[in-house]
Every structure is written in structure tokens, then in C-alpha cells.
PDB file of N, CA and C in Angstrom:
ATOM      1  N   MET A   1      -8.390   3.481   7.099  1.00  0.00           N
ATOM      2  CA  MET A   1      -8.737   2.216   7.035  1.00  0.00           C
ATOM      3  C   MET A   1      -8.049   1.510   8.373  1.00  0.00           C
ATOM      4  N   LYS A   2      -8.932   0.822   9.136  1.00  0.00           N
ATOM      5  CA  LYS A   2      -8.363   0.187  10.371  1.00  0.00           C
ATOM      6  C   LYS A   2      -7.526  -1.092   9.887  1.00  0.00           C
ATOM      7  N   LYS A   3      -6.762  -1.494  10.838  1.00  0.00           N
ATOM      8  CA  LYS A   3      -5.855  -2.670  10.553  1.00  0.00           C
ATOM      9  C   LYS A   3      -6.574  -3.782  10.348  1.00  0.00           C
ATOM     10  N   ASP A   4      -7.588  -4.173  11.130  1.00  0.00           N
ATOM     11  CA  ASP A   4      -8.371  -5.292  10.844  1.00  0.00           C
ATOM     12  C   ASP A   4      -9.094  -5.301   9.534  1.00  0.00           C
ATOM     13  N   GLU A   5      -9.507  -4.193   9.103  1.00  0.00           N
ATOM     14  CA  GLU A   5     -10.235  -3.932   7.825  1.00  0.00           C
ATOM     15  C   GLU A   5      -9.235  -4.218   6.680  1.00  0.00           C
ATOM     16  N   PHE A   6      -7.962  -3.755   6.911  1.00  0.00           N
ATOM     17  CA  PHE A   6      -7.019  -3.836   5.875  1.00  0.00           C
ATOM     18  C   PHE A   6      -6.733  -5.486   5.709  1.00  0.00           C
ATOM     19  N   ILE A   7      -6.475  -6.156   6.804  1.00  0.00           N
ATOM     20  CA  ILE A   7      -6.166  -7.505   6.791  1.00  0.00           C
ATOM     21  C   ILE A   7      -7.243  -8.347   6.084  1.00  0.00           C
ATOM     22  N   LYS A   8      -8.566  -7.918   6.338  1.00  0.00           N
ATOM     23  CA  LYS A   8      -9.648  -8.591   5.739  1.00  0.00           C
ATOM     24  C   LYS A   8      -9.546  -8.456   4.293  1.00  0.00           C
ATOM     25  N   TYR A   9      -9.531  -7.087   3.826  1.00  0.00           N
ATOM     26  CA  TYR A   9      -9.459  -6.685   2.452  1.00  0.00           C
ATOM     27  C   TYR A   9      -8.252  -7.486   1.727  1.00  0.00           C
ATOM     28  N   ALA A  10      -7.155  -7.485   2.394  1.00  0.00           N
ATOM     29  CA  ALA A  10      -5.903  -8.132   1.803  1.00  0.00           C
ATOM     30  C   ALA A  10      -6.182  -9.695   1.646  1.00  0.00           C
ATOM     31  N   LYS A  11      -6.740 -10.282   2.534  1.00  0.00           N
ATOM     32  CA  LYS A  11      -6.944 -11.797   2.406  1.00  0.00           C
ATOM     33  C   LYS A  11      -8.073 -12.007   1.334  1.00  0.00           C
ATOM     34  N   GLU A  12      -8.930 -11.190   1.148  1.00  0.00           N
ATOM     35  CA  GLU A  12      -9.894 -11.393   0.156  1.00  0.00           C
ATOM     36  C   GLU A  12      -9.447 -10.958  -1.346  1.00  0.00           C
ATOM     37  N   ASN A  13      -8.534  -9.998  -1.397  1.00  0.00           N
ATOM     38  CA  ASN A  13      -8.252  -9.474  -2.719  1.00  0.00           C
ATOM     39  C   ASN A  13      -6.804  -9.748  -3.208  1.00  0.00           C
ATOM     40  N   LEU A  14      -5.887 -10.038  -2.379  1.00  0.00           N
ATOM     41  CA  LEU A  14      -4.511 -10.208  -2.817  1.00  0.00           C
ATOM     42  C   LEU A  14      -4.080 -11.724  -2.883  1.00  0.00           C
ATOM     43  N   ILE A  15      -3.238 -12.013  -3.799  1.00  0.00           N
ATOM     44  CA  ILE A  15      -2.869 -13.395  -3.980  1.00  0.00           C
ATOM     45  C   ILE A  15      -1.312 -13.481  -4.201  1.00  0.00           C
ATOM     46  N   SER A  16      -0.688 -14.618  -3.981  1.00  0.00           N
ATOM     47  CA  SER A  16       0.752 -14.649  -4.207  1.00  0.00           C
ATOM     48  C   SER A  16       1.120 -14.976  -5.612  1.00  0.00           C
ATOM     49  N   THR A  17       2.282 -14.887  -5.915  1.00  0.00           N
ATOM     50  CA  THR A  17       2.747 -15.196  -7.245  1.00  0.00           C
ATOM     51  C   THR A  17       2.376 -16.642  -7.645  1.00  0.00           C
ATOM     52  N   ARG A  18       2.507 -17.651  -6.721  1.00  0.00           N
ATOM     53  CA  ARG A  18       2.138 -18.961  -6.823  1.00  0.00           C
ATOM     54  C   ARG A  18       0.669 -19.186  -7.310  1.00  0.00           C
ATOM     55  N   GLU A  19      -0.202 -18.390  -6.453  1.00  0.00           N
ATOM     56  CA  GLU A  19      -1.729 -18.450  -6.717  1.00  0.00           C
ATOM     57  C   GLU A  19      -1.964 -17.806  -7.992  1.00  0.00           C
ATOM     58  N   ALA A  20      -1.250 -16.822  -8.347  1.00  0.00           N
ATOM     59  CA  ALA A  20      -1.522 -16.083  -9.625  1.00  0.00           C
ATOM     60  C   ALA A  20      -1.169 -16.956 -10.906  1.00  0.00           C
ATOM     61  N   ARG A  21      -0.031 -17.605 -10.715  1.00  0.00           N
ATOM     62  CA  ARG A  21       0.454 -18.558 -11.708  1.00  0.00           C
ATOM     63  C   ARG A  21      -0.610 -19.725 -11.878  1.00  0.00           C
ATOM     64  N   SER A  22      -1.231 -20.083 -10.748  1.00  0.00           N
ATOM     65  CA  SER A  22      -2.124 -21.244 -10.914  1.00  0.00           C
ATOM     66  C   SER A  22      -3.338 -20.762 -11.573  1.00  0.00           C
ATOM     67  N   ILE A  23      -3.864 -19.567 -11.419  1.00  0.00           N
ATOM     68  CA  ILE A  23      -5.000 -18.952 -12.111  1.00  0.00           C
ATOM     69  C   ILE A  23      -4.617 -18.903 -13.693  1.00  0.00           C
ATOM     70  N   THR A  24      -3.480 -18.367 -14.042  1.00  0.00           N
ATOM     71  CA  THR A  24      -3.119 -18.055 -15.333  1.00  0.00           C
ATOM     72  C   THR A  24      -2.671 -19.361 -16.064  1.00  0.00           C
ATOM     73  N   GLU A  25      -2.299 -20.405 -15.275  1.00  0.00           N
ATOM     74  CA  GLU A  25      -1.837 -21.620 -15.752  1.00  0.00           C
ATOM     75  C   GLU A  25      -0.545 -21.371 -16.669  1.00  0.00           C
ATOM     76  N   GLN A  26       0.262 -20.578 -16.160  1.00  0.00           N
ATOM     77  CA  GLN A  26       1.548 -20.229 -16.758  1.00  0.00           C
ATOM     78  C   GLN A  26       2.701 -20.938 -16.116  1.00  0.00           C
ATOM     79  N   THR A  27       3.733 -21.173 -16.882  1.00  0.00           N
ATOM     80  CA  THR A  27       4.979 -21.589 -16.370  1.00  0.00           C
ATOM     81  C   THR A  27       5.641 -20.500 -15.502  1.00  0.00           C
ATOM     82  N   ILE A  28       6.638 -20.732 -14.676  1.00  0.00           N
ATOM     83  CA  ILE A  28       7.442 -19.677 -14.051  1.00  0.00           C
ATOM     84  C   ILE A  28       7.981 -18.581 -15.047  1.00  0.00           C
ATOM     85  N   LYS A  29       8.631 -19.096 -16.067  1.00  0.00           N
ATOM     86  CA  LYS A  29       9.167 -18.272 -17.005  1.00  0.00           C
ATOM     87  C   LYS A  29       8.133 -17.310 -17.813  1.00  0.00           C
ATOM     88  N   ALA A  30       7.157 -17.971 -18.179  1.00  0.00           N
ATOM     89  CA  ALA A  30       6.014 -17.305 -18.821  1.00  0.00           C
ATOM     90  C   ALA A  30       5.398 -16.278 -17.915  1.00  0.00           C
ATOM     91  N   PHE A  31       5.130 -16.566 -16.701  1.00  0.00           N
ATOM     92  CA  PHE A  31       4.552 -15.710 -15.716  1.00  0.00           C
ATOM     93  C   PHE A  31       5.623 -14.508 -15.435  1.00  0.00           C
ATOM     94  N   GLN A  32       6.828 -14.746 -15.329  1.00  0.00           N
ATOM     95  CA  GLN A  32       7.803 -13.662 -15.161  1.00  0.00           C
ATOM     96  C   GLN A  32       7.805 -12.762 -16.351  1.00  0.00           C
ATOM     97  N   GLN A  33       7.729 -13.248 -17.545  1.00  0.00           N
ATOM     98  CA  GLN A  33       7.691 -12.459 -18.716  1.00  0.00           C
ATOM     99  C   GLN A  33       6.416 -11.612 -18.766  1.00  0.00           C
ATOM    100  N   SER A  34       5.335 -12.033 -18.356  1.00  0.00           N
ATOM    101  CA  SER A  34       4.068 -11.352 -18.279  1.00  0.00           C
ATOM    102  C   SER A  34       4.273 -10.189 -17.260  1.00  0.00           C
ATOM    103  N   VAL A  35       4.998 -10.332 -16.163  1.00  0.00           N
ATOM    104  CA  VAL A  35       5.247  -9.374 -15.134  1.00  0.00           C
ATOM    105  C   VAL A  35       6.182  -8.356 -15.759  1.00  0.00           C
ATOM    106  N   LYS A  36       7.172  -8.829 -16.346  1.00  0.00           N
ATOM    107  CA  LYS A  36       8.264  -7.890 -17.016  1.00  0.00           C
ATOM    108  C   LYS A  36       7.703  -6.994 -18.029  1.00  0.00           C
ATOM    109  N   ASN A  37       6.796  -7.575 -18.927  1.00  0.00           N
ATOM    110  CA  ASN A  37       6.120  -6.933 -19.943  1.00  0.00           C
ATOM    111  C   ASN A  37       4.957  -5.996 -19.523  1.00  0.00           C
ATOM    112  N   GLU A  38       4.788  -6.032 -18.126  1.00  0.00           N
ATOM    113  CA  GLU A  38       3.737  -5.338 -17.603  1.00  0.00           C
ATOM    114  C   GLU A  38       2.251  -5.616 -17.953  1.00  0.00           C
ATOM    115  N   LYS A  39       2.232  -7.001 -18.287  1.00  0.00           N
ATOM    116  CA  LYS A  39       0.736  -7.570 -18.665  1.00  0.00           C
ATOM    117  C   LYS A  39       0.074  -7.763 -17.353  1.00  0.00           C
ATOM    118  N   ILE A  40       0.785  -8.079 -16.329  1.00  0.00           N
ATOM    119  CA  ILE A  40       0.270  -8.321 -14.938  1.00  0.00           C
ATOM    120  C   ILE A  40       1.236  -7.381 -14.096  1.00  0.00           C
ATOM    121  N   ILE A  41       0.588  -6.633 -13.315  1.00  0.00           N
ATOM    122  CA  ILE A  41       1.308  -5.459 -12.462  1.00  0.00           C
ATOM    123  C   ILE A  41       1.123  -5.989 -11.042  1.00  0.00           C
ATOM    124  N   PRO A  42       2.166  -6.258 -10.335  1.00  0.00           N
ATOM    125  CA  PRO A  42       1.968  -6.505  -8.847  1.00  0.00           C
ATOM    126  C   PRO A  42       1.452  -5.292  -8.086  1.00  0.00           C
ATOM    127  N   ALA A  43       0.536  -5.675  -7.083  1.00  0.00           N
ATOM    128  CA  ALA A  43      -0.105  -4.653  -6.194  1.00  0.00           C
ATOM    129  C   ALA A  43       1.205  -4.062  -5.246  1.00  0.00           C
ATOM    130  N   ILE A  44       1.946  -5.168  -4.808  1.00  0.00           N
ATOM    131  CA  ILE A  44       3.022  -4.915  -3.808  1.00  0.00           C
ATOM    132  C   ILE A  44       4.207  -5.728  -4.258  1.00  0.00           C
ATOM    133  N   GLU A  45       5.299  -5.103  -4.076  1.00  0.00           N
ATOM    134  CA  GLU A  45       6.623  -5.832  -4.382  1.00  0.00           C
ATOM    135  C   GLU A  45       7.436  -5.451  -2.979  1.00  0.00           C
ATOM    136  N   ILE A  46       8.022  -6.571  -2.472  1.00  0.00           N
ATOM    137  CA  ILE A  46       8.905  -6.468  -1.286  1.00  0.00           C
ATOM    138  C   ILE A  46      10.040  -7.168  -1.588  1.00  0.00           C
ATOM    139  N   LYS A  47      11.293  -6.359  -1.850  1.00  0.00           N
ATOM    140  CA  LYS A  47      12.450  -6.877  -2.068  1.00  0.00           C
ATOM    141  C   LYS A  47      13.176  -7.439  -0.762  1.00  0.00           C
ATOM    142  N   GLU A  48      13.365  -8.759  -0.691  1.00  0.00           N
ATOM    143  CA  GLU A  48      13.879  -9.297   0.448  1.00  0.00           C
ATOM    144  C   GLU A  48      15.388  -9.413   0.354  1.00  0.00           C
ATOM    145  N   SER A  49      15.817  -9.609  -0.857  1.00  0.00           N
ATOM    146  CA  SER A  49      17.370  -9.629  -1.127  1.00  0.00           C
ATOM    147  C   SER A  49      17.655  -9.348  -2.573  1.00  0.00           C
ATOM    148  N   GLU A  50      18.779  -9.435  -2.964  1.00  0.00           N
ATOM    149  CA  GLU A  50      19.129  -9.056  -4.414  1.00  0.00           C
ATOM    150  C   GLU A  50      18.398 -10.026  -5.344  1.00  0.00           C
ATOM    151  N   LYS A  51      18.111 -11.203  -4.979  1.00  0.00           N
ATOM    152  CA  LYS A  51      17.599 -12.172  -5.917  1.00  0.00           C
ATOM    153  C   LYS A  51      16.066 -12.454  -5.656  1.00  0.00           C
ATOM    154  N   ARG A  52      15.625 -12.215  -4.293  1.00  0.00           N
ATOM    155  CA  ARG A  52      14.248 -12.640  -3.968  1.00  0.00           C
ATOM    156  C   ARG A  52      13.279 -11.433  -3.687  1.00  0.00           C
ATOM    157  N   VAL A  53      12.240 -11.464  -4.472  1.00  0.00           N
ATOM    158  CA  VAL A  53      11.174 -10.390  -4.348  1.00  0.00           C
ATOM    159  C   VAL A  53       9.935 -11.033  -4.131  1.00  0.00           C
ATOM    160  N   ILE A  54       9.127 -10.628  -3.115  1.00  0.00           N
ATOM    161  CA  ILE A  54       7.807 -11.127  -2.778  1.00  0.00           C
ATOM    162  C   ILE A  54       6.799 -10.148  -3.480  1.00  0.00           C
ATOM    163  N   ARG A  55       5.969 -10.827  -4.394  1.00  0.00           N
ATOM    164  CA  ARG A  55       5.028 -10.056  -5.096  1.00  0.00           C
ATOM    165  C   ARG A  55       3.527 -10.406  -4.657  1.00  0.00           C
ATOM    166  N   LEU A  56       2.659  -9.557  -4.526  1.00  0.00           N
ATOM    167  CA  LEU A  56       1.325  -9.866  -4.316  1.00  0.00           C
ATOM    168  C   LEU A  56       0.662  -9.175  -5.412  1.00  0.00           C
ATOM    169  N   PHE A  57      -0.525  -9.842  -5.890  1.00  0.00           N
ATOM    170  CA  PHE A  57      -1.254  -9.426  -7.011  1.00  0.00           C
ATOM    171  C   PHE A  57      -2.794  -9.219  -6.604  1.00  0.00           C
ATOM    172  N   PHE A  58      -3.439  -8.335  -7.333  1.00  0.00           N
ATOM    173  CA  PHE A  58      -4.941  -8.367  -7.113  1.00  0.00           C
ATOM    174  C   PHE A  58      -5.518  -9.541  -7.879  1.00  0.00           C
ATOM    175  N   LYS A  59      -6.301 -10.221  -7.127  1.00  0.00           N
ATOM    176  CA  LYS A  59      -6.852 -11.512  -7.668  1.00  0.00           C
ATOM    177  C   LYS A  59      -7.822 -11.129  -8.978  1.00  0.00           C
ATOM    178  N   ASP A  60      -8.536 -10.086  -8.802  1.00  0.00           N
ATOM    179  CA  ASP A  60      -9.414  -9.743  -9.936  1.00  0.00           C
ATOM    180  C   ASP A  60      -8.631  -9.345 -11.203  1.00  0.00           C
ATOM    181  N   GLU A  61      -7.526  -8.778 -11.059  1.00  0.00           N
ATOM    182  CA  GLU A  61      -6.667  -8.354 -12.283  1.00  0.00           C
ATOM    183  C   GLU A  61      -6.032  -9.582 -12.923  1.00  0.00           C
ATOM    184  N   VAL A  62      -5.742 -10.511 -11.975  1.00  0.00           N
ATOM    185  CA  VAL A  62      -5.116 -11.792 -12.595  1.00  0.00           C
ATOM    186  C   VAL A  62      -6.158 -12.473 -13.372  1.00  0.00           C
ATOM    187  N   GLU A  63      -7.400 -12.546 -12.688  1.00  0.00           N
ATOM    188  CA  GLU A  63      -8.447 -13.267 -13.337  1.00  0.00           C
ATOM    189  C   GLU A  63      -8.952 -12.637 -14.661  1.00  0.00           C
ATOM    190  N   ALA A  64      -8.758 -11.288 -14.773  1.00  0.00           N
ATOM    191  CA  ALA A  64      -9.082 -10.565 -16.075  1.00  0.00           C
ATOM    192  C   ALA A  64      -8.054 -10.902 -17.035  1.00  0.00           C
ATOM    193  N   TYR A  65      -6.771 -10.951 -16.606  1.00  0.00           N
ATOM    194  CA  TYR A  65      -5.574 -11.303 -17.541  1.00  0.00           C
ATOM    195  C   TYR A  65      -5.803 -12.690 -18.047  1.00  0.00           C
ATOM    196  N   LYS A  66      -6.191 -13.632 -17.227  1.00  0.00           N
ATOM    197  CA  LYS A  66      -6.518 -15.071 -17.792  1.00  0.00           C
ATOM    198  C   LYS A  66      -7.593 -14.908 -18.896  1.00  0.00           C
ATOM    199  N   ASP A  67      -8.590 -14.236 -18.592  1.00  0.00           N
ATOM    200  CA  ASP A  67      -9.682 -14.048 -19.611  1.00  0.00           C
ATOM    201  C   ASP A  67      -9.112 -13.456 -21.016  1.00  0.00           C
ATOM    202  N   LYS A  68      -8.358 -12.580 -20.877  1.00  0.00           N
ATOM    203  CA  LYS A  68      -7.622 -11.979 -22.138  1.00  0.00           C
ATOM    204  C   LYS A  68      -6.798 -13.010 -22.794  1.00  0.00           C
ATOM    205  N   MET A  69      -5.975 -13.842 -22.007  1.00  0.00           N
ATOM    206  CA  MET A  69      -5.247 -14.765 -22.517  1.00  0.00           C
ATOM    207  C   MET A  69      -6.059 -15.826 -23.309  1.00  0.00           C
ATOM    208  N   ASN A  70      -7.248 -16.251 -22.752  1.00  0.00           N
ATOM    209  CA  ASN A  70      -8.183 -17.088 -23.404  1.00  0.00           C
ATOM    210  C   ASN A  70      -8.649 -16.589 -24.588  1.00  0.00           C
ATOM    211  N   ASP A  71      -9.019 -15.194 -24.632  1.00  0.00           N
ATOM    212  CA  ASP A  71      -9.483 -14.588 -25.844  1.00  0.00           C
ATOM    213  C   ASP A  71      -8.332 -14.552 -26.914  1.00  0.00           C
ATOM    214  N   TRP A  72      -7.055 -14.243 -26.619  1.00  0.00           N
ATOM    215  CA  TRP A  72      -5.969 -14.285 -27.540  1.00  0.00           C
ATOM    216  C   TRP A  72      -5.776 -15.660 -28.118  1.00  0.00           C
ATOM    217  N   GLN A  73      -5.817 -16.743 -27.349  1.00  0.00           N
ATOM    218  CA  GLN A  73      -5.581 -17.892 -27.766  1.00  0.00           C
ATOM    219  C   GLN A  73      -6.796 -18.490 -28.676  1.00  0.00           C
ATOM    220  N   ALA A  74      -7.948 -18.083 -28.438  1.00  0.00           N
ATOM    221  CA  ALA A  74      -9.124 -18.381 -29.356  1.00  0.00           C
ATOM    222  C   ALA A  74      -8.929 -17.667 -30.654  1.00  0.00           C
ATOM    223  N   ALA A  75      -8.523 -16.520 -30.620  1.00  0.00           N
ATOM    224  CA  ALA A  75      -8.270 -15.681 -31.797  1.00  0.00           C
ATOM    225  C   ALA A  75      -7.202 -16.257 -32.734  1.00  0.00           C
ATOM    226  N   ARG A  76      -6.143 -16.849 -32.026  1.00  0.00           N
ATOM    227  CA  ARG A  76      -4.987 -17.421 -32.813  1.00  0.00           C
ATOM    228  C   ARG A  76      -5.444 -18.689 -33.501  1.00  0.00           C
ATOM    229  N   LYS A  77      -6.410 -19.416 -32.984  1.00  0.00           N
ATOM    230  CA  LYS A  77      -6.871 -20.647 -33.454  1.00  0.00           C
ATOM    231  C   LYS A  77      -7.838 -20.592 -34.666  1.00  0.00           C
ATOM    232  N   LYS A  78      -8.243 -19.196 -34.903  1.00  0.00           N
ATOM    233  CA  LYS A  78      -9.121 -19.002 -35.982  1.00  0.00           C
ATOM    234  C   LYS A  78      -8.344 -18.870 -37.374  1.00  0.00           C
TER     235      LYS A  78
END
């Protein structure tokens, strides 16, 4: 894959933690728990320091997780 093709693909398919949280409508703690429990798996993790990690997620996987969350919540209300 050429560099420009990769950049185009990444811009269309990868999202930041902030964007992923916005889609799932989760708090920081809830989102971190979802990642820790491997409900949402980062596509890429870059460890900047001991405390800071940059994570990118596949947008379609986050959207699918949101749909599952909606299904779980609907089932709990029954």
C-alpha cells in the first residue's frame, strides 16, 4: 500500500479515543473499562510515556459496539 493510500484509509477508518467515546456516549472511566475488558480493541496503541497512550480505533468496530450496547440496554429494560 502506498503512503498516500494509507493516509486516505486511516483518515476514513481510524478514530481517536475522544471520537470513539463520543460515538459510544461513555464516560472516560466506562470507556477505559470497555478497552480493559477487550469489548473495544484499539487498532493501534502508541505509548508516549508511562502514563500516556495514544489509541486509535476502527470506526466501524466502535459503531458496532455502540449497537451492541443499545441491544444490551434494551434487553435490560424488558
